[in-house]
Amino acid sequence: MLVAREAAGTLAAREEVPVTAGAYQWLGGDMAGNPLPAGPYRLTVESWNGDKQLTTTPVQSYARITEARNGPDGVTLLLEGGISVKATDVTALRAGSAG
């Protein structure tokens, strides 16, 4: 089960995801499939066995960095789509395709 929470921790969406080894793209919709407002969301995957929750695992997500800004609070990265994150919150980078 993919769970999306707003920055304040409020549940925004919950959806079943296929059990595959491949990448999954969350389209940013609520539980009824309506688009959610732009903003940061924390994604986790919950594993269940019947009514018993087994695990909750943070989801790795990737976005193209369009700009890096150095300011009084350190480096901030502007991501494609307009979201900004502190560089210290980034845990991994991967090479993007040219284009």
Protein backbone atom coordinates (compact mmCIF):
# COMPACT_ATOMS: atom_id res chain seq x y z
CA MET A 1 0.00 0.00 0.00
CA LEU A 2 1.44 3.39 -1.03
CA VAL A 3 0.63 6.11 1.51
CA ALA A 4 1.07 9.83 0.87
CA ARG A 5 1.05 12.35 3.70
CA GLU A 6 1.15 16.14 3.53
CA ALA A 7 4.05 17.99 5.16
CA ALA A 8 2.03 18.26 8.41
CA GLY A 9 1.47 14.47 8.44
CA THR A 10 -2.18 14.50 7.32
CA LEU A 11 -3.14 11.49 5.18
CA ALA A 12 -3.55 12.65 1.56
CA ALA A 13 -3.75 9.37 -0.36
CA ARG A 14 -3.56 5.61 0.02
CA GLU A 15 -3.44 3.23 -2.94
CA GLU A 16 -2.50 -0.32 -3.73
CA VAL A 17 0.59 -0.77 -5.88
CA PRO A 18 1.51 -3.76 -8.00
CA VAL A 19 4.08 -6.15 -6.56
CA THR A 20 6.93 -5.74 -9.06
CA ALA A 21 10.62 -4.97 -8.99
CA GLY A 22 10.19 -2.06 -11.39
CA ALA A 23 9.70 1.65 -10.79
CA TYR A 24 6.24 2.93 -9.89
CA GLN A 25 5.11 6.46 -10.71
CA TRP A 26 2.64 8.00 -8.28
CA LEU A 27 0.46 10.40 -10.23
CA GLY A 28 -0.32 12.68 -7.28
CA GLY A 29 -3.98 11.88 -6.78
CA ASP A 30 -6.11 11.56 -3.65
CA MET A 31 -8.01 8.42 -2.66
CA ALA A 32 -10.77 9.24 -5.18
CA GLY A 33 -8.23 9.84 -7.98
CA ASN A 34 -8.54 13.64 -7.95
CA PRO A 35 -5.27 15.61 -8.38
CA LEU A 36 -3.73 16.80 -5.11
CA PRO A 37 -2.48 20.38 -4.74
CA ALA A 38 1.18 20.98 -5.58
CA GLY A 39 3.45 20.67 -2.59
CA PRO A 40 5.73 18.30 -0.74
CA TYR A 41 4.37 14.87 0.22
CA ARG A 42 6.03 12.14 2.29
CA LEU A 43 5.55 8.72 0.68
CA THR A 44 5.78 5.39 2.48
CA VAL A 45 4.96 1.80 1.59
CA GLU A 46 3.00 -0.22 4.14
CA SER A 47 3.05 -4.01 4.14
CA TRP A 48 -0.02 -5.77 5.52
CA ASN A 49 -1.04 -9.33 6.35
CA GLY A 50 -4.80 -9.22 6.64
CA ASP A 51 -5.63 -6.58 9.28
CA LYS A 52 -2.09 -6.56 10.72
CA GLN A 53 0.41 -3.93 9.52
CA LEU A 54 3.84 -5.54 9.18
CA THR A 55 6.15 -2.70 8.07
CA THR A 56 6.27 0.94 6.98
CA THR A 57 9.15 1.86 4.66
CA PRO A 58 10.01 5.34 3.34
CA VAL A 59 9.87 5.61 -0.46
CA GLN A 60 12.88 6.81 -2.41
CA SER A 61 11.90 9.47 -4.88
CA TYR A 62 13.83 11.27 -7.58
CA ALA A 63 13.33 14.60 -9.31
CA ARG A 64 15.42 16.62 -11.73
CA ILE A 65 17.37 19.44 -10.06
CA THR A 66 16.92 22.65 -12.03
CA GLU A 67 18.84 25.04 -9.78
CA ALA A 68 21.06 25.12 -6.69
CA ARG A 69 20.97 28.21 -4.45
CA ASN A 70 23.41 29.07 -1.69
CA GLY A 71 21.86 31.15 1.08
CA PRO A 72 22.23 31.94 4.77
CA ASP A 73 20.71 28.55 5.71
CA GLY A 74 22.94 26.58 3.31
CA VAL A 75 22.36 25.14 -0.14
CA THR A 76 18.78 24.72 -1.36
CA LEU A 77 17.94 22.69 -4.46
CA LEU A 78 15.05 23.72 -6.71
CA LEU A 79 13.43 20.67 -8.26
CA GLU A 80 11.51 20.37 -11.50
CA GLY A 81 7.93 21.25 -10.62
CA GLY A 82 8.92 24.07 -8.27
CA ILE A 83 9.57 22.22 -5.02
CA SER A 84 12.69 23.20 -3.10
CA VAL A 85 14.59 21.01 -0.64
CA LYS A 86 17.62 21.52 1.58
CA ALA A 87 20.68 19.87 0.09
CA THR A 88 21.25 18.17 3.45
CA ASP A 89 17.92 16.32 3.02
CA VAL A 90 19.15 14.63 -0.18
CA THR A 91 20.32 11.06 0.45
CA ALA A 92 21.18 9.96 -3.11
CA LEU A 93 21.77 11.27 -6.61
CA ARG A 94 21.66 9.47 -9.93
CA ALA A 95 22.69 10.46 -13.40
CA GLY A 96 19.91 11.79 -15.56
CA SER A 97 19.54 11.41 -19.28
CA ALA A 98 20.61 14.26 -21.51
CA GLY A 99 17.76 16.12 -23.00
